[in-house]
Amino acid sequence: MALTGLEIFKLLPKTNCGKCGVPTCLAFAMKLAQKKAELKECPYASEQAKQVLGAASEPPMRVVKAGAGADAFEVGGETEMYRHEKTFRHQTAIALRVEDTEEPAALAAKVAEVDAFVIERVGEQLRLNAFCLSNTSRDKERYLAALKTVTAGSSKAVIVDCPDPETVKAALPLLAGKRPVLRPGETDLLPFVNLAQENNASLVVSAKSFEELAARTEAIVQTGFKDLLLELQAPGLGDRVETSTIVRRAALRKGFKLFGFPLVWSLPAQDEHLLLAGAAVGICKYAGILILPQFSREMMLTLFTLRQNIYTDPQKPIQVDPKVYAIGEPRPDSMVFVTTNFSLTYFIVSGEIENAGVSAWLVVPDCEGMSVLTAWAAGKFSGAKVGKFVKDIKLEEHVTTRELIIPGYASPISGDLEESLPGWKITVGPQEAADLGPFVANRAK
């Protein structure tokens, strides 16, 4: 039976040294109870604590790291079946499968295109995470040549998709310090365990059934190596969703440790619309690493947007800092707009102001990351609060205009805002950000 935070706290040293990464032993005990930390993070844990806590201190799903530097990523570490229960922790890593049979020039061009592809959305840069290089040729030298092409064109993580241990052994020095992922398929995994241990790599365990997956995973775990990912073969998308859900539930709800590792989804080449649908399902239904057979900018934009939405903490929306933002090159007498600090709202409003071809000031009070309507309904975007924020930032010292333009959906706060800011004129702007262009054009006439 799982121990509570207070029960775990009684077994901790109570030094509050902070070396575990949190300020107090009680806070660390709560993290242990929630399976978000491991006892080994406490340098002063007693032998009694280690014996009593044991498996209770380990998170139900292991965190696996890949890549290095700015291109490093983590998968796993999840504690929930459904996002609305709390949050998902580590977003799905998206990898593009390339083959060593591709012409070197074509492969180099593809790698360069993917490596340079970045989308900025609500203040975050979205990109692919890895390349999965398949040893389609079964030729060692050809694979090594293709790997050199990939690593020369990108610093992204590499999934070494190769069933031959000798080829993998020769490839790993080219990936020194880059934490690769080994994906040998359904061959004997023990030679790859040694390679993974020696080269700081993780290993994909592939199988065709739950029983086989458990047996293969157990054989590796008994060696002491645990940086694993699981790949369960399935004939169709529905079957893949079913098997992934069963594996996830077994790990999180039943405590079956042999399934407590991130999942790998590898999708076959198919019609792009079907591929997009399958990839979207993978992001929603537990793929830790998603391997795609082809690349298109339109498909990636869709998947990046979905991934960002799914892996944004629903209890902590993406926010921008509350302050006054200069849009373009505003003067003291430029227009002053007001909106909330929900990132999506901020970037849409600021973008529409820029598109209107004007420079303006954008006042963004702290609304706890809520959109305009939500913040207004929750009392976070009221006339009194907006007025206080304007006074606190001493806006009147930086602008000569005395007019604030508020969102149309927040029109009920205009009266209170005028009372909070004597001498200011409150103008109700359009309800939708897309109408800011015509609104600005009409004011310029």
Protein backbone atom coordinates (compact mmCIF):
# COMPACT_ATOMS: atom_id res chain seq x y z
CA MET A 1 0.00 0.00 0.00
CA ALA A 2 1.35 3.43 -0.91
CA LEU A 3 2.61 5.57 1.94
CA THR A 4 1.26 9.06 2.56
CA GLY A 5 3.50 12.13 2.56
CA LEU A 6 3.40 12.37 6.36
CA GLU A 7 4.29 8.68 6.75
CA ILE A 8 7.26 9.16 4.46
CA PHE A 9 8.26 12.36 6.28
CA LYS A 10 8.67 10.41 9.54
CA LEU A 11 11.38 8.33 7.85
CA LEU A 12 13.38 11.27 6.48
CA PRO A 13 16.32 12.93 8.32
CA LYS A 14 14.43 16.26 8.81
CA THR A 15 17.55 18.32 8.12
CA ASN A 16 15.83 20.61 5.57
CA CYS A 17 19.20 20.85 3.81
CA GLY A 18 17.68 21.43 0.37
CA LYS A 19 20.16 19.11 -1.37
CA CYS A 20 17.28 17.09 -2.83
CA GLY A 21 16.16 20.12 -4.81
CA VAL A 22 13.30 21.24 -2.55
CA PRO A 23 13.65 23.42 0.58
CA THR A 24 12.22 21.10 3.25
CA CYS A 25 12.04 17.40 4.05
CA LEU A 26 8.25 17.67 4.24
CA ALA A 27 8.09 19.02 0.68
CA PHE A 28 10.39 16.20 -0.46
CA ALA A 29 8.17 13.66 1.30
CA MET A 30 5.15 14.99 -0.58
CA LYS A 31 7.03 14.63 -3.88
CA LEU A 32 7.92 11.04 -2.98
CA ALA A 33 4.28 10.30 -2.17
CA GLN A 34 3.24 11.70 -5.55
CA LYS A 35 5.88 9.56 -7.33
CA LYS A 36 7.62 12.70 -8.58
CA ALA A 37 10.97 12.04 -6.92
CA GLU A 38 13.24 9.18 -5.92
CA LEU A 39 14.67 8.53 -2.45
CA LYS A 40 18.21 8.46 -3.85
CA GLU A 41 17.94 12.25 -4.28
CA CYS A 42 18.22 12.57 -0.48
CA PRO A 43 21.92 12.30 0.49
CA TYR A 44 21.12 11.61 4.15
CA ALA A 45 18.44 8.94 3.82
CA SER A 46 18.94 6.20 6.39
CA GLU A 47 19.12 2.51 5.61
CA GLN A 48 15.84 2.08 7.43
CA ALA A 49 14.20 4.65 5.16
CA LYS A 50 15.62 2.93 2.09
CA GLN A 51 14.29 -0.42 3.23
CA VAL A 52 10.86 0.81 4.25
CA LEU A 53 10.24 3.11 1.33
CA GLY A 54 11.89 1.01 -1.37
CA ALA A 55 9.70 0.86 -4.40
CA ALA A 56 7.23 3.36 -2.90
CA SER A 57 9.74 6.16 -3.50
CA GLU A 58 10.11 5.51 -7.21
CA PRO A 59 7.88 7.26 -9.78
CA PRO A 60 5.59 4.84 -11.66
CA MET A 61 7.19 5.74 -14.99
CA ARG A 62 10.89 6.28 -15.46
CA VAL A 63 12.24 9.48 -16.99
CA VAL A 64 14.47 8.77 -19.99
CA LYS A 65 16.82 11.41 -21.38
CA ALA A 66 18.14 11.72 -24.93
CA GLY A 67 20.19 14.23 -26.89
CA ALA A 68 22.56 16.84 -25.51
CA GLY A 69 22.77 20.57 -24.95
CA ALA A 70 19.94 22.68 -26.32
CA ASP A 71 18.63 19.65 -28.24
CA ALA A 72 18.28 17.41 -25.19
CA PHE A 73 14.84 16.18 -24.21
CA GLU A 74 13.18 14.01 -21.59
CA VAL A 75 10.25 11.62 -21.91
CA GLY A 76 8.37 9.62 -19.31
CA GLY A 77 7.95 10.54 -15.67
CA GLU A 78 4.18 10.62 -16.06
CA THR A 79 1.88 10.16 -13.08
CA GLU A 80 -1.57 10.56 -14.65
CA MET A 81 -3.72 8.66 -17.11
CA TYR A 82 -5.61 11.75 -18.20
CA ARG A 83 -4.38 15.31 -18.56
CA HIS A 84 -7.29 16.85 -16.69
CA GLU A 85 -6.42 14.85 -13.55
CA LYS A 86 -3.39 17.09 -13.05
CA THR A 87 -0.99 17.49 -15.97
CA PHE A 88 1.26 15.57 -18.33
CA ARG A 89 4.92 16.16 -17.53
CA HIS A 90 7.17 15.55 -20.55
CA GLN A 91 5.90 16.22 -24.04
CA THR A 92 6.07 13.69 -26.84
CA ALA A 93 9.38 13.81 -28.69
CA ILE A 94 8.85 13.83 -32.47
CA ALA A 95 11.47 12.12 -34.63
CA LEU A 96 11.80 11.88 -38.40
CA ARG A 97 12.81 8.52 -39.83
CA VAL A 98 15.50 8.67 -42.52
CA GLU A 99 17.20 5.73 -44.22
CA ASP A 100 20.79 4.95 -45.05
CA THR A 101 19.71 4.01 -48.60
CA GLU A 102 18.91 7.63 -49.43
CA GLU A 103 21.31 9.47 -51.69
CA PRO A 104 23.82 11.44 -49.59
CA ALA A 105 22.93 14.78 -51.17
CA ALA A 106 19.19 14.20 -50.72
CA LEU A 107 19.72 13.05 -47.14
CA ALA A 108 21.86 16.09 -46.32
CA ALA A 109 19.22 18.41 -47.80
CA LYS A 110 16.44 16.76 -45.80
CA VAL A 111 18.43 16.96 -42.57
CA ALA A 112 19.22 20.63 -43.18
CA GLU A 113 15.56 21.45 -43.86
CA VAL A 114 14.31 19.69 -40.75
CA ASP A 115 17.06 21.08 -38.55
CA ALA A 116 16.24 24.65 -39.59
CA PHE A 117 12.48 24.22 -39.23
CA VAL A 118 11.28 26.17 -36.18
CA ILE A 119 7.83 27.58 -35.43
CA GLU A 120 7.38 30.24 -32.76
CA ARG A 121 4.02 30.15 -31.05
CA VAL A 122 2.96 32.02 -27.91
CA GLY A 123 6.56 32.69 -27.03
CA GLU A 124 7.82 29.12 -27.43
CA GLN A 125 9.99 27.73 -30.20
CA LEU A 126 8.58 24.46 -31.52
CA ARG A 127 10.73 21.98 -33.46
CA LEU A 128 11.36 18.31 -34.15
CA ASN A 129 13.45 16.55 -31.53
CA ALA A 130 15.36 13.77 -33.24
CA PHE A 131 16.28 11.79 -36.34
CA CYS A 132 15.70 8.05 -36.48
CA LEU A 133 18.32 6.62 -38.86
CA SER A 134 17.28 3.20 -40.15
CA ASN A 135 19.83 0.64 -41.33
CA THR A 136 17.68 -0.32 -44.32
CA SER A 137 20.71 -1.34 -46.41
CA ARG A 138 22.03 -3.72 -43.72
CA ASP A 139 25.44 -2.46 -44.79
CA LYS A 140 27.73 -1.25 -42.00
CA GLU A 141 29.79 1.24 -43.99
CA ARG A 142 26.76 2.72 -45.69
CA TYR A 143 25.08 3.20 -42.32
CA LEU A 144 28.13 4.92 -40.85
CA ALA A 145 28.34 7.23 -43.86
CA ALA A 146 24.67 8.16 -43.50
CA LEU A 147 25.14 8.76 -39.77
CA LYS A 148 28.01 11.14 -40.49
CA THR A 149 25.74 13.04 -42.87
CA VAL A 150 23.03 13.33 -40.21
CA THR A 151 25.38 14.46 -37.43
CA ALA A 152 27.16 16.91 -39.74
CA GLY A 153 23.87 18.61 -40.57
CA SER A 154 22.21 18.61 -37.16
CA SER A 155 22.91 18.39 -33.44
CA LYS A 156 19.54 16.81 -32.72
CA ALA A 157 19.28 13.50 -30.90
CA VAL A 158 19.68 10.34 -32.97
CA ILE A 159 17.74 7.09 -32.70
CA VAL A 160 20.06 4.34 -33.93
CA ASP A 161 17.59 2.06 -35.70
CA CYS A 162 19.80 -0.95 -36.39
CA PRO A 163 19.60 -4.67 -35.44
CA ASP A 164 23.32 -5.39 -35.86
CA PRO A 165 25.39 -4.89 -32.68
CA GLU A 166 28.65 -4.56 -34.62
CA THR A 167 27.27 -1.73 -36.73
CA VAL A 168 25.86 -0.03 -33.61
CA LYS A 169 29.19 -0.43 -31.83
CA ALA A 170 30.95 1.29 -34.71
CA ALA A 171 28.30 4.04 -34.83
CA LEU A 172 28.33 5.01 -31.16
CA PRO A 173 31.72 6.81 -31.19
CA LEU A 174 30.17 9.20 -33.74
CA LEU A 175 27.50 10.00 -31.14
CA ALA A 176 29.76 10.42 -28.12
CA GLY A 177 28.19 12.71 -25.52
CA LYS A 178 24.88 12.93 -27.40
CA ARG A 179 22.83 10.36 -25.44
CA PRO A 180 21.49 8.37 -28.41
CA VAL A 181 18.58 5.94 -28.36
CA LEU A 182 19.24 2.37 -29.54
CA ARG A 183 16.39 0.65 -31.38
CA PRO A 184 17.54 -2.84 -32.36
CA GLY A 185 14.08 -4.29 -32.96
CA GLU A 186 13.15 -7.79 -31.82
CA THR A 187 16.65 -9.26 -31.92
CA ASP A 188 18.60 -10.38 -28.83
CA LEU A 189 18.90 -7.31 -26.63
CA LEU A 190 21.68 -8.30 -24.25
CA PRO A 191 24.56 -7.17 -26.55
CA PHE A 192 22.82 -3.80 -26.87
CA VAL A 193 22.45 -3.46 -23.11
CA ASN A 194 26.22 -3.41 -22.73
CA LEU A 195 26.55 -0.89 -25.56
CA ALA A 196 23.89 1.34 -24.02
CA GLN A 197 25.51 1.21 -20.58
CA GLU A 198 28.96 2.01 -21.94
CA ASN A 199 27.78 4.91 -24.12
CA ASN A 200 25.16 6.61 -21.92
CA ALA A 201 22.40 5.59 -24.31
CA SER A 202 18.84 4.39 -23.79
CA LEU A 203 17.37 1.24 -25.30
CA VAL A 204 14.05 0.46 -26.98
CA VAL A 205 12.49 -2.89 -26.04
CA SER A 206 10.27 -4.12 -28.87
CA ALA A 207 7.76 -6.98 -28.67
CA LYS A 208 4.61 -8.35 -30.30
CA SER A 209 2.65 -9.17 -27.14
CA PHE A 210 2.30 -8.01 -23.55
CA GLU A 211 3.83 -11.26 -22.28
CA GLU A 212 6.85 -10.94 -24.55
CA LEU A 213 7.29 -7.28 -23.68
CA ALA A 214 7.24 -8.03 -19.95
CA ALA A 215 9.68 -10.92 -20.31
CA ARG A 216 12.16 -8.96 -22.43
CA THR A 217 11.97 -5.94 -20.13
CA GLU A 218 12.45 -8.08 -17.02
CA ALA A 219 15.56 -9.72 -18.49
CA ILE A 220 17.15 -6.29 -19.00
CA VAL A 221 16.04 -4.80 -15.67
CA GLN A 222 17.67 -7.73 -13.87
CA THR A 223 21.02 -6.61 -15.30
CA GLY A 224 20.55 -3.31 -13.48
CA PHE A 225 19.98 -1.24 -16.63
CA LYS A 226 16.76 0.80 -16.60
CA ASP A 227 17.04 3.51 -19.27
CA LEU A 228 14.44 1.77 -21.39
CA LEU A 229 11.61 2.63 -23.74
CA LEU A 230 8.89 0.19 -24.75
CA GLU A 231 7.53 -0.50 -28.23
CA LEU A 232 4.58 -2.86 -28.58
CA GLN A 233 3.74 -3.85 -32.14
CA ALA A 234 0.10 -3.41 -33.20
CA PRO A 235 -1.58 -4.02 -36.60
CA GLY A 236 -3.75 -0.90 -36.64
CA LEU A 237 -4.25 2.47 -35.03
CA GLY A 238 -7.10 1.28 -32.82
CA ASP A 239 -5.04 -1.67 -31.61
CA ARG A 240 -2.12 0.64 -30.89
CA VAL A 241 -4.30 2.93 -28.78
CA GLU A 242 -5.67 -0.06 -26.88
CA THR A 243 -2.26 -1.58 -26.15
CA SER A 244 -0.74 1.77 -25.17
CA THR A 245 -3.60 2.44 -22.77
CA ILE A 246 -3.23 -0.99 -21.19
CA VAL A 247 0.53 -0.51 -20.72
CA ARG A 248 0.03 2.96 -19.24
CA ARG A 249 -2.74 1.82 -16.91
CA ALA A 250 -0.71 -1.19 -15.75
CA ALA A 251 2.19 1.08 -14.81
CA LEU A 252 0.28 3.99 -13.25
CA ARG A 253 -2.78 2.36 -11.72
CA LYS A 254 -1.57 -1.17 -11.01
CA GLY A 255 2.05 -0.45 -10.18
CA PHE A 256 3.39 -2.98 -12.71
CA LYS A 257 6.99 -1.81 -12.86
CA LEU A 258 7.98 -3.74 -15.99
CA PHE A 259 5.68 -1.43 -17.97
CA GLY A 260 6.81 1.73 -16.17
CA PHE A 261 8.77 3.15 -19.10
CA PRO A 262 7.92 5.62 -21.92
CA LEU A 263 6.36 4.25 -25.10
CA VAL A 264 7.64 4.50 -28.67
CA TRP A 265 5.23 4.84 -31.58
CA SER A 266 6.61 4.31 -35.09
CA LEU A 267 4.10 5.04 -37.86
CA PRO A 268 4.31 3.53 -41.35
CA ALA A 269 4.39 5.53 -44.58
CA GLN A 270 0.83 6.30 -45.70
CA ASP A 271 -1.46 9.02 -46.98
CA GLU A 272 -0.48 12.25 -45.24
CA HIS A 273 -3.97 12.82 -43.83
CA LEU A 274 -4.03 9.35 -42.28
CA LEU A 275 -0.50 9.84 -41.00
CA LEU A 276 -1.47 13.13 -39.40
CA ALA A 277 -4.47 11.50 -37.73
CA GLY A 278 -2.32 8.66 -36.39
CA ALA A 279 0.36 11.03 -35.13
CA ALA A 280 -2.24 13.21 -33.40
CA VAL A 281 -3.64 10.15 -31.65
CA GLY A 282 -0.13 9.17 -30.59
CA ILE A 283 0.48 12.55 -28.97
CA CYS A 284 -2.82 12.27 -27.09
CA LYS A 285 -2.50 8.61 -26.20
CA TYR A 286 0.82 8.17 -24.52
CA ALA A 287 3.57 8.13 -27.16
CA GLY A 288 6.81 9.16 -25.47
CA ILE A 289 8.67 9.20 -28.77
CA LEU A 290 6.74 9.45 -32.05
CA ILE A 291 8.67 8.37 -35.17
CA LEU A 292 7.27 9.74 -38.43
CA PRO A 293 8.18 8.42 -41.90
CA GLN A 294 7.90 11.75 -43.72
CA PHE A 295 8.11 15.48 -43.18
CA SER A 296 5.89 18.33 -44.26
CA ARG A 297 5.67 21.80 -42.77
CA GLU A 298 1.89 21.82 -42.70
CA MET A 299 1.71 18.52 -40.82
CA MET A 300 4.35 19.61 -38.33
CA LEU A 301 2.55 22.88 -37.61
CA THR A 302 -0.57 20.92 -36.73
CA LEU A 303 1.29 18.42 -34.55
CA PHE A 304 3.36 21.09 -32.79
CA THR A 305 0.24 23.06 -31.94
CA LEU A 306 -1.55 19.98 -30.62
CA ARG A 307 1.49 18.89 -28.61
CA GLN A 308 1.90 22.33 -27.07
CA ASN A 309 -1.76 22.43 -26.07
CA ILE A 310 -1.78 18.91 -24.61
CA TYR A 311 1.40 19.42 -22.61
CA THR A 312 0.60 22.85 -21.22
CA ASP A 313 -0.19 22.48 -17.54
CA PRO A 314 -3.98 23.09 -17.29
CA GLN A 315 -3.44 24.41 -13.75
CA LYS A 316 -0.77 26.85 -14.90
CA PRO A 317 -1.52 28.43 -18.31
CA ILE A 318 1.31 29.86 -20.38
CA GLN A 319 1.73 33.49 -19.33
CA VAL A 320 3.69 36.56 -20.32
CA ASP A 321 5.10 38.92 -17.74
CA PRO A 322 2.66 41.61 -16.58
CA LYS A 323 4.02 44.95 -17.80
CA VAL A 324 3.70 47.51 -20.61
CA TYR A 325 4.86 46.23 -23.99
CA ALA A 326 6.00 48.42 -26.86
CA ILE A 327 4.47 47.22 -30.12
CA GLY A 328 6.56 48.63 -32.93
CA GLU A 329 8.12 51.99 -32.08
CA PRO A 330 5.43 53.84 -30.12
CA ARG A 331 5.69 57.50 -29.11
CA PRO A 332 4.36 59.02 -25.88
CA ASP A 333 1.16 59.99 -27.70
CA SER A 334 0.59 56.55 -29.32
CA MET A 335 -2.54 54.53 -28.61
CA VAL A 336 -2.67 52.41 -25.46
CA PHE A 337 -4.42 49.02 -25.55
CA VAL A 338 -5.15 46.70 -22.61
CA THR A 339 -5.37 42.89 -22.60
CA THR A 340 -4.66 39.94 -20.27
CA ASN A 341 -1.38 38.08 -19.74
CA PHE A 342 -2.54 34.77 -21.22
CA SER A 343 0.21 34.12 -23.77
CA LEU A 344 -2.07 33.22 -26.66
CA THR A 345 -4.18 36.35 -26.07
CA TYR A 346 -1.09 38.56 -25.83
CA PHE A 347 0.54 37.26 -29.00
CA ILE A 348 -2.69 37.42 -31.02
CA VAL A 349 -3.46 40.99 -29.91
CA SER A 350 0.11 42.23 -30.39
CA GLY A 351 0.25 40.55 -33.79
CA GLU A 352 -2.97 42.17 -34.94
CA ILE A 353 -1.73 45.60 -33.81
CA GLU A 354 1.48 45.07 -35.79
CA ASN A 355 -0.51 43.90 -38.82
CA ALA A 356 -2.55 47.08 -38.63
CA GLY A 357 0.65 49.00 -39.36
CA VAL A 358 0.66 51.11 -36.21
CA SER A 359 2.89 51.42 -33.18
CA ALA A 360 1.17 51.29 -29.80
CA TRP A 361 1.52 50.50 -26.13
CA LEU A 362 0.01 47.28 -24.81
CA VAL A 363 -0.76 47.22 -21.09
CA VAL A 364 -0.81 43.66 -19.72
CA PRO A 365 -1.88 43.30 -16.06
CA ASP A 366 -1.52 40.07 -14.11
CA CYS A 367 -4.65 38.00 -14.77
CA GLU A 368 -3.12 34.64 -13.73
CA GLY A 369 -2.79 33.59 -17.36
CA MET A 370 -6.51 33.72 -18.14
CA SER A 371 -8.13 34.87 -21.36
CA VAL A 372 -10.21 38.06 -21.38
CA LEU A 373 -13.63 36.51 -20.81
CA THR A 374 -12.35 34.00 -18.27
CA ALA A 375 -10.39 36.63 -16.36
CA TRP A 376 -13.37 39.01 -16.35
CA ALA A 377 -15.74 36.27 -15.12
CA ALA A 378 -13.26 35.28 -12.39
CA GLY A 379 -12.80 38.85 -11.21
CA LYS A 380 -9.16 38.95 -12.31
CA PHE A 381 -9.76 41.59 -15.00
CA SER A 382 -11.84 44.19 -13.20
CA GLY A 383 -11.84 47.96 -13.43
CA ALA A 384 -10.30 48.29 -9.99
CA LYS A 385 -7.50 45.81 -10.69
CA VAL A 386 -6.63 47.21 -14.12
CA GLY A 387 -6.70 50.75 -12.70
CA LYS A 388 -4.41 49.79 -9.83
CA PHE A 389 -1.98 48.16 -12.24
CA VAL A 390 -1.89 51.29 -14.42
CA LYS A 391 -1.10 53.36 -11.33
CA ASP A 392 1.51 50.89 -10.02
CA ILE A 393 3.48 50.95 -13.27
CA LYS A 394 3.16 54.76 -13.40
CA LEU A 395 1.91 54.66 -16.97
CA GLU A 396 1.03 58.38 -16.93
CA GLU A 397 4.74 59.19 -16.61
CA HIS A 398 5.56 57.38 -19.87
CA VAL A 399 2.67 58.38 -22.13
CA THR A 400 0.97 61.68 -22.84
CA THR A 401 -2.28 60.17 -24.06
CA ARG A 402 -5.00 59.64 -21.47
CA GLU A 403 -7.06 57.04 -23.29
CA LEU A 404 -7.15 53.31 -22.65
CA ILE A 405 -8.64 50.94 -25.23
CA ILE A 406 -10.06 47.82 -23.55
CA PRO A 407 -11.33 44.59 -25.18
CA GLY A 408 -14.97 44.62 -26.25
CA TYR A 409 -15.71 41.54 -24.14
CA ALA A 410 -14.58 43.49 -21.06
CA SER A 411 -16.87 46.46 -21.69
CA PRO A 412 -18.62 46.03 -18.27
CA ILE A 413 -15.42 47.17 -16.50
CA SER A 414 -15.30 50.54 -18.31
CA GLY A 415 -17.27 52.43 -15.64
CA ASP A 416 -15.23 51.12 -12.72
CA LEU A 417 -12.02 51.73 -14.66
CA GLU A 418 -12.93 55.38 -15.26
CA GLU A 419 -13.58 55.76 -11.53
CA SER A 420 -10.20 54.17 -10.75
CA LEU A 421 -8.39 56.42 -13.22
CA PRO A 422 -9.75 59.98 -13.00
CA GLY A 423 -8.83 61.99 -16.07
CA TRP A 424 -8.56 58.95 -18.33
CA LYS A 425 -10.97 58.14 -21.15
CA ILE A 426 -11.91 54.47 -21.46
CA THR A 427 -12.71 53.34 -24.99
CA VAL A 428 -14.27 49.96 -25.68
CA GLY A 429 -12.48 48.28 -28.57
CA PRO A 430 -13.60 45.34 -30.72
CA GLN A 431 -14.51 42.01 -29.17
CA GLU A 432 -12.29 40.00 -31.52
CA ALA A 433 -8.58 40.70 -32.02
CA ALA A 434 -9.04 40.15 -35.76
CA ASP A 435 -11.12 43.35 -35.87
CA LEU A 436 -8.34 45.52 -34.46
CA GLY A 437 -7.13 46.41 -37.97
CA PRO A 438 -10.42 48.00 -39.09
CA PHE A 439 -10.79 49.59 -35.64
CA VAL A 440 -7.39 51.28 -35.93
CA ALA A 441 -8.09 52.31 -39.55
CA ASN A 442 -11.36 53.98 -38.56
CA ARG A 443 -9.64 55.93 -35.81
CA ALA A 444 -7.01 57.19 -38.26
CA LYS A 445 -9.64 58.78 -40.53
